[in-house]
Amino acid sequence: MRFVIMLFASLAMTVAAGSAYSAGDAKRGGKQFGRCKACHSVEAGKNKIGPSLHGVVGRKAGTAEKYKYSKSLAAAGAKGLVWTEENLMEYLEGPTKFLKKYLGVKSVHNKMKNRFKKKSLRENIIAYLATQK
């Protein structure tokens, strides 16, 4: 009986952990999100220079209400880009490079100029964003 209980507990913890990126430190990511606050909010419907990132994980790209996206990001959304944790991980490392690859073009226009090279920083910020629903 103990084995069965331990097995279910282990399974529950695995499911709760989610993907590798949401295994980042959400609390730390909340503090690190300060780097993003000048342009983004996590408040639903509150856009700044950039769109609100409330509910961004799992959202189709280019669909935040009342925000005018660059043509390239709008095209990526029209092509079906969804902000999965994996896509966000790659995008935050190099937004322009990501969009060029996703759209299969040589040139893109994108408003996001920041690049976050440090993997743990991206993991933490994505873990934090995953809690903003």
C-alpha atoms as a PDB file:
ATOM      1  CA  MET A   1       0.000   0.000   0.000  1.00  0.00           C
ATOM      2  CA  ARG A   2       2.846   2.400   0.830  1.00  0.00           C
ATOM      3  CA  PHE A   3       4.334   1.753  -2.593  1.00  0.00           C
ATOM      4  CA  VAL A   4       1.078   2.747  -4.292  1.00  0.00           C
ATOM      5  CA  ILE A   5       0.827   5.928  -2.217  1.00  0.00           C
ATOM      6  CA  MET A   6       4.452   6.827  -2.997  1.00  0.00           C
ATOM      7  CA  LEU A   7       3.885   6.122  -6.684  1.00  0.00           C
ATOM      8  CA  PHE A   8       0.840   8.425  -6.823  1.00  0.00           C
ATOM      9  CA  ALA A   9       2.671  11.134  -4.856  1.00  0.00           C
ATOM     10  CA  SER A  10       5.606  10.928  -7.261  1.00  0.00           C
ATOM     11  CA  LEU A  11       3.281  11.120 -10.263  1.00  0.00           C
ATOM     12  CA  ALA A  12       1.447  14.111  -8.791  1.00  0.00           C
ATOM     13  CA  MET A  13       4.729  15.967  -8.243  1.00  0.00           C
ATOM     14  CA  THR A  14       5.835  15.225 -11.801  1.00  0.00           C
ATOM     15  CA  VAL A  15       2.583  16.585 -13.235  1.00  0.00           C
ATOM     16  CA  ALA A  16       2.740  19.646 -10.994  1.00  0.00           C
ATOM     17  CA  ALA A  17       6.294  20.393 -12.079  1.00  0.00           C
ATOM     18  CA  GLY A  18       5.206  20.780 -15.707  1.00  0.00           C
ATOM     19  CA  SER A  19       7.848  21.370 -18.342  1.00  0.00           C
ATOM     20  CA  ALA A  20      11.524  22.023 -17.772  1.00  0.00           C
ATOM     21  CA  TYR A  21      11.076  25.784 -18.134  1.00  0.00           C
ATOM     22  CA  SER A  22       8.339  26.166 -15.554  1.00  0.00           C
ATOM     23  CA  ALA A  23      10.756  24.325 -13.266  1.00  0.00           C
ATOM     24  CA  GLY A  24      12.626  27.645 -13.189  1.00  0.00           C
ATOM     25  CA  ASP A  25      12.284  29.708 -10.033  1.00  0.00           C
ATOM     26  CA  ALA A  26       9.064  31.710 -10.460  1.00  0.00           C
ATOM     27  CA  LYS A  27       9.712  33.787  -7.340  1.00  0.00           C
ATOM     28  CA  ARG A  28      13.149  34.755  -8.574  1.00  0.00           C
ATOM     29  CA  GLY A  29      11.712  35.284 -12.063  1.00  0.00           C
ATOM     30  CA  GLY A  30       9.235  37.767 -10.609  1.00  0.00           C
ATOM     31  CA  LYS A  31      12.146  39.841  -9.354  1.00  0.00           C
ATOM     32  CA  GLN A  32      14.059  39.401 -12.607  1.00  0.00           C
ATOM     33  CA  PHE A  33      10.960  40.503 -14.524  1.00  0.00           C
ATOM     34  CA  GLY A  34      11.950  43.986 -13.361  1.00  0.00           C
ATOM     35  CA  ARG A  35      14.115  44.052 -16.505  1.00  0.00           C
ATOM     36  CA  CYS A  36      10.926  43.797 -18.552  1.00  0.00           C
ATOM     37  CA  LYS A  37       8.656  46.180 -16.597  1.00  0.00           C
ATOM     38  CA  ALA A  38       9.644  49.309 -18.493  1.00  0.00           C
ATOM     39  CA  CYS A  39       7.920  47.893 -21.563  1.00  0.00           C
ATOM     40  CA  HIS A  40       5.575  45.151 -20.288  1.00  0.00           C
ATOM     41  CA  SER A  41       2.930  44.643 -17.650  1.00  0.00           C
ATOM     42  CA  VAL A  42       1.519  41.393 -16.299  1.00  0.00           C
ATOM     43  CA  GLU A  43      -1.797  43.079 -15.548  1.00  0.00           C
ATOM     44  CA  ALA A  44      -4.559  41.851 -17.849  1.00  0.00           C
ATOM     45  CA  GLY A  45      -5.250  44.392 -20.593  1.00  0.00           C
ATOM     46  CA  LYS A  46      -2.557  46.837 -19.472  1.00  0.00           C
ATOM     47  CA  ASN A  47      -0.287  47.421 -22.441  1.00  0.00           C
ATOM     48  CA  LYS A  48       2.755  49.653 -22.295  1.00  0.00           C
ATOM     49  CA  ILE A  49       5.384  50.052 -25.010  1.00  0.00           C
ATOM     50  CA  GLY A  50       4.996  46.276 -25.309  1.00  0.00           C
ATOM     51  CA  PRO A  51       1.843  44.193 -24.859  1.00  0.00           C
ATOM     52  CA  SER A  52       0.563  42.891 -21.538  1.00  0.00           C
ATOM     53  CA  LEU A  53       2.175  39.547 -20.759  1.00  0.00           C
ATOM     54  CA  HIS A  54      -0.728  38.416 -18.603  1.00  0.00           C
ATOM     55  CA  GLY A  55      -1.573  34.920 -19.809  1.00  0.00           C
ATOM     56  CA  VAL A  56       1.163  34.962 -22.451  1.00  0.00           C
ATOM     57  CA  VAL A  57       2.172  31.326 -21.909  1.00  0.00           C
ATOM     58  CA  GLY A  58      -0.139  29.366 -24.201  1.00  0.00           C
ATOM     59  CA  ARG A  59      -1.445  32.453 -26.015  1.00  0.00           C
ATOM     60  CA  LYS A  60      -1.301  32.842 -29.777  1.00  0.00           C
ATOM     61  CA  ALA A  61       1.325  35.425 -30.735  1.00  0.00           C
ATOM     62  CA  GLY A  62       0.116  38.868 -31.728  1.00  0.00           C
ATOM     63  CA  THR A  63      -3.254  38.644 -29.975  1.00  0.00           C
ATOM     64  CA  ALA A  64      -3.041  40.850 -26.857  1.00  0.00           C
ATOM     65  CA  GLU A  65      -6.046  43.150 -26.976  1.00  0.00           C
ATOM     66  CA  LYS A  66      -5.604  46.770 -28.002  1.00  0.00           C
ATOM     67  CA  TYR A  67      -1.941  46.412 -28.929  1.00  0.00           C
ATOM     68  CA  LYS A  68      -0.462  47.161 -32.352  1.00  0.00           C
ATOM     69  CA  TYR A  69       2.147  44.532 -33.170  1.00  0.00           C
ATOM     70  CA  SER A  70       4.960  44.748 -35.691  1.00  0.00           C
ATOM     71  CA  LYS A  71       4.128  43.256 -39.075  1.00  0.00           C
ATOM     72  CA  SER A  72       6.548  40.390 -38.442  1.00  0.00           C
ATOM     73  CA  LEU A  73       5.070  39.382 -35.099  1.00  0.00           C
ATOM     74  CA  ALA A  74       1.548  39.708 -36.482  1.00  0.00           C
ATOM     75  CA  ALA A  75       2.589  37.465 -39.397  1.00  0.00           C
ATOM     76  CA  ALA A  76       4.024  34.897 -36.973  1.00  0.00           C
ATOM     77  CA  GLY A  77       0.719  34.860 -35.098  1.00  0.00           C
ATOM     78  CA  ALA A  78      -1.208  34.521 -38.349  1.00  0.00           C
ATOM     79  CA  LYS A  79       1.059  31.586 -39.229  1.00  0.00           C
ATOM     80  CA  GLY A  80       0.069  29.921 -35.951  1.00  0.00           C
ATOM     81  CA  LEU A  81       2.828  30.813 -33.479  1.00  0.00           C
ATOM     82  CA  VAL A  82       1.769  30.050 -29.913  1.00  0.00           C
ATOM     83  CA  TRP A  83       3.859  31.224 -26.986  1.00  0.00           C
ATOM     84  CA  THR A  84       4.779  27.884 -25.514  1.00  0.00           C
ATOM     85  CA  GLU A  85       7.498  27.846 -22.897  1.00  0.00           C
ATOM     86  CA  GLU A  86       9.854  26.398 -25.511  1.00  0.00           C
ATOM     87  CA  ASN A  87       9.089  29.162 -28.026  1.00  0.00           C
ATOM     88  CA  LEU A  88       9.469  31.837 -25.360  1.00  0.00           C
ATOM     89  CA  MET A  89      12.807  30.348 -24.358  1.00  0.00           C
ATOM     90  CA  GLU A  90      14.126  30.686 -27.908  1.00  0.00           C
ATOM     91  CA  TYR A  91      12.473  34.079 -28.531  1.00  0.00           C
ATOM     92  CA  LEU A  92      13.902  35.669 -25.391  1.00  0.00           C
ATOM     93  CA  GLU A  93      17.381  34.516 -26.373  1.00  0.00           C
ATOM     94  CA  GLY A  94      17.185  36.309 -29.726  1.00  0.00           C
ATOM     95  CA  PRO A  95      13.831  37.753 -30.844  1.00  0.00           C
ATOM     96  CA  THR A  96      14.905  38.764 -34.347  1.00  0.00           C
ATOM     97  CA  LYS A  97      16.720  35.485 -34.997  1.00  0.00           C
ATOM     98  CA  PHE A  98      13.692  33.527 -33.732  1.00  0.00           C
ATOM     99  CA  LEU A  99      11.241  35.395 -35.985  1.00  0.00           C
ATOM    100  CA  LYS A 100      13.469  35.061 -39.044  1.00  0.00           C
ATOM    101  CA  LYS A 101      13.666  31.321 -38.466  1.00  0.00           C
ATOM    102  CA  TYR A 102       9.946  30.930 -37.707  1.00  0.00           C
ATOM    103  CA  LEU A 103       8.815  32.977 -40.690  1.00  0.00           C
ATOM    104  CA  GLY A 104      11.522  31.658 -43.017  1.00  0.00           C
ATOM    105  CA  VAL A 105      12.618  35.133 -44.091  1.00  0.00           C
ATOM    106  CA  LYS A 106      15.890  37.068 -44.139  1.00  0.00           C
ATOM    107  CA  SER A 107      14.584  40.265 -42.571  1.00  0.00           C
ATOM    108  CA  VAL A 108      12.016  41.065 -39.896  1.00  0.00           C
ATOM    109  CA  HIS A 109      10.838  44.113 -38.025  1.00  0.00           C
ATOM    110  CA  ASN A 110      10.372  43.507 -34.334  1.00  0.00           C
ATOM    111  CA  LYS A 111       9.932  45.930 -31.445  1.00  0.00           C
ATOM    112  CA  MET A 112      11.547  43.607 -28.879  1.00  0.00           C
ATOM    113  CA  LYS A 113      15.197  44.598 -28.731  1.00  0.00           C
ATOM    114  CA  ASN A 114      16.245  42.883 -25.484  1.00  0.00           C
ATOM    115  CA  ARG A 115      18.026  39.558 -25.622  1.00  0.00           C
ATOM    116  CA  PHE A 116      18.496  37.357 -22.580  1.00  0.00           C
ATOM    117  CA  LYS A 117      21.470  35.092 -23.178  1.00  0.00           C
ATOM    118  CA  LYS A 118      21.544  33.513 -19.704  1.00  0.00           C
ATOM    119  CA  LYS A 119      19.439  30.339 -19.788  1.00  0.00           C
ATOM    120  CA  SER A 120      18.565  30.385 -16.076  1.00  0.00           C
ATOM    121  CA  LEU A 121      17.282  33.966 -16.375  1.00  0.00           C
ATOM    122  CA  ARG A 122      15.000  32.972 -19.252  1.00  0.00           C
ATOM    123  CA  GLU A 123      13.799  29.894 -17.341  1.00  0.00           C
ATOM    124  CA  ASN A 124      12.994  31.970 -14.263  1.00  0.00           C
ATOM    125  CA  ILE A 125      11.148  34.686 -16.177  1.00  0.00           C
ATOM    126  CA  ILE A 126       9.134  32.095 -18.110  1.00  0.00           C
ATOM    127  CA  ALA A 127       8.296  30.275 -14.855  1.00  0.00           C
ATOM    128  CA  TYR A 128       7.061  33.602 -13.473  1.00  0.00           C
ATOM    129  CA  LEU A 129       5.051  34.395 -16.607  1.00  0.00           C
ATOM    130  CA  ALA A 130       3.447  30.927 -16.414  1.00  0.00           C
ATOM    131  CA  THR A 131       1.955  31.966 -13.054  1.00  0.00           C
ATOM    132  CA  GLN A 132       0.398  35.135 -14.504  1.00  0.00           C
ATOM    133  CA  LYS A 133      -2.995  33.810 -15.623  1.00  0.00           C
END
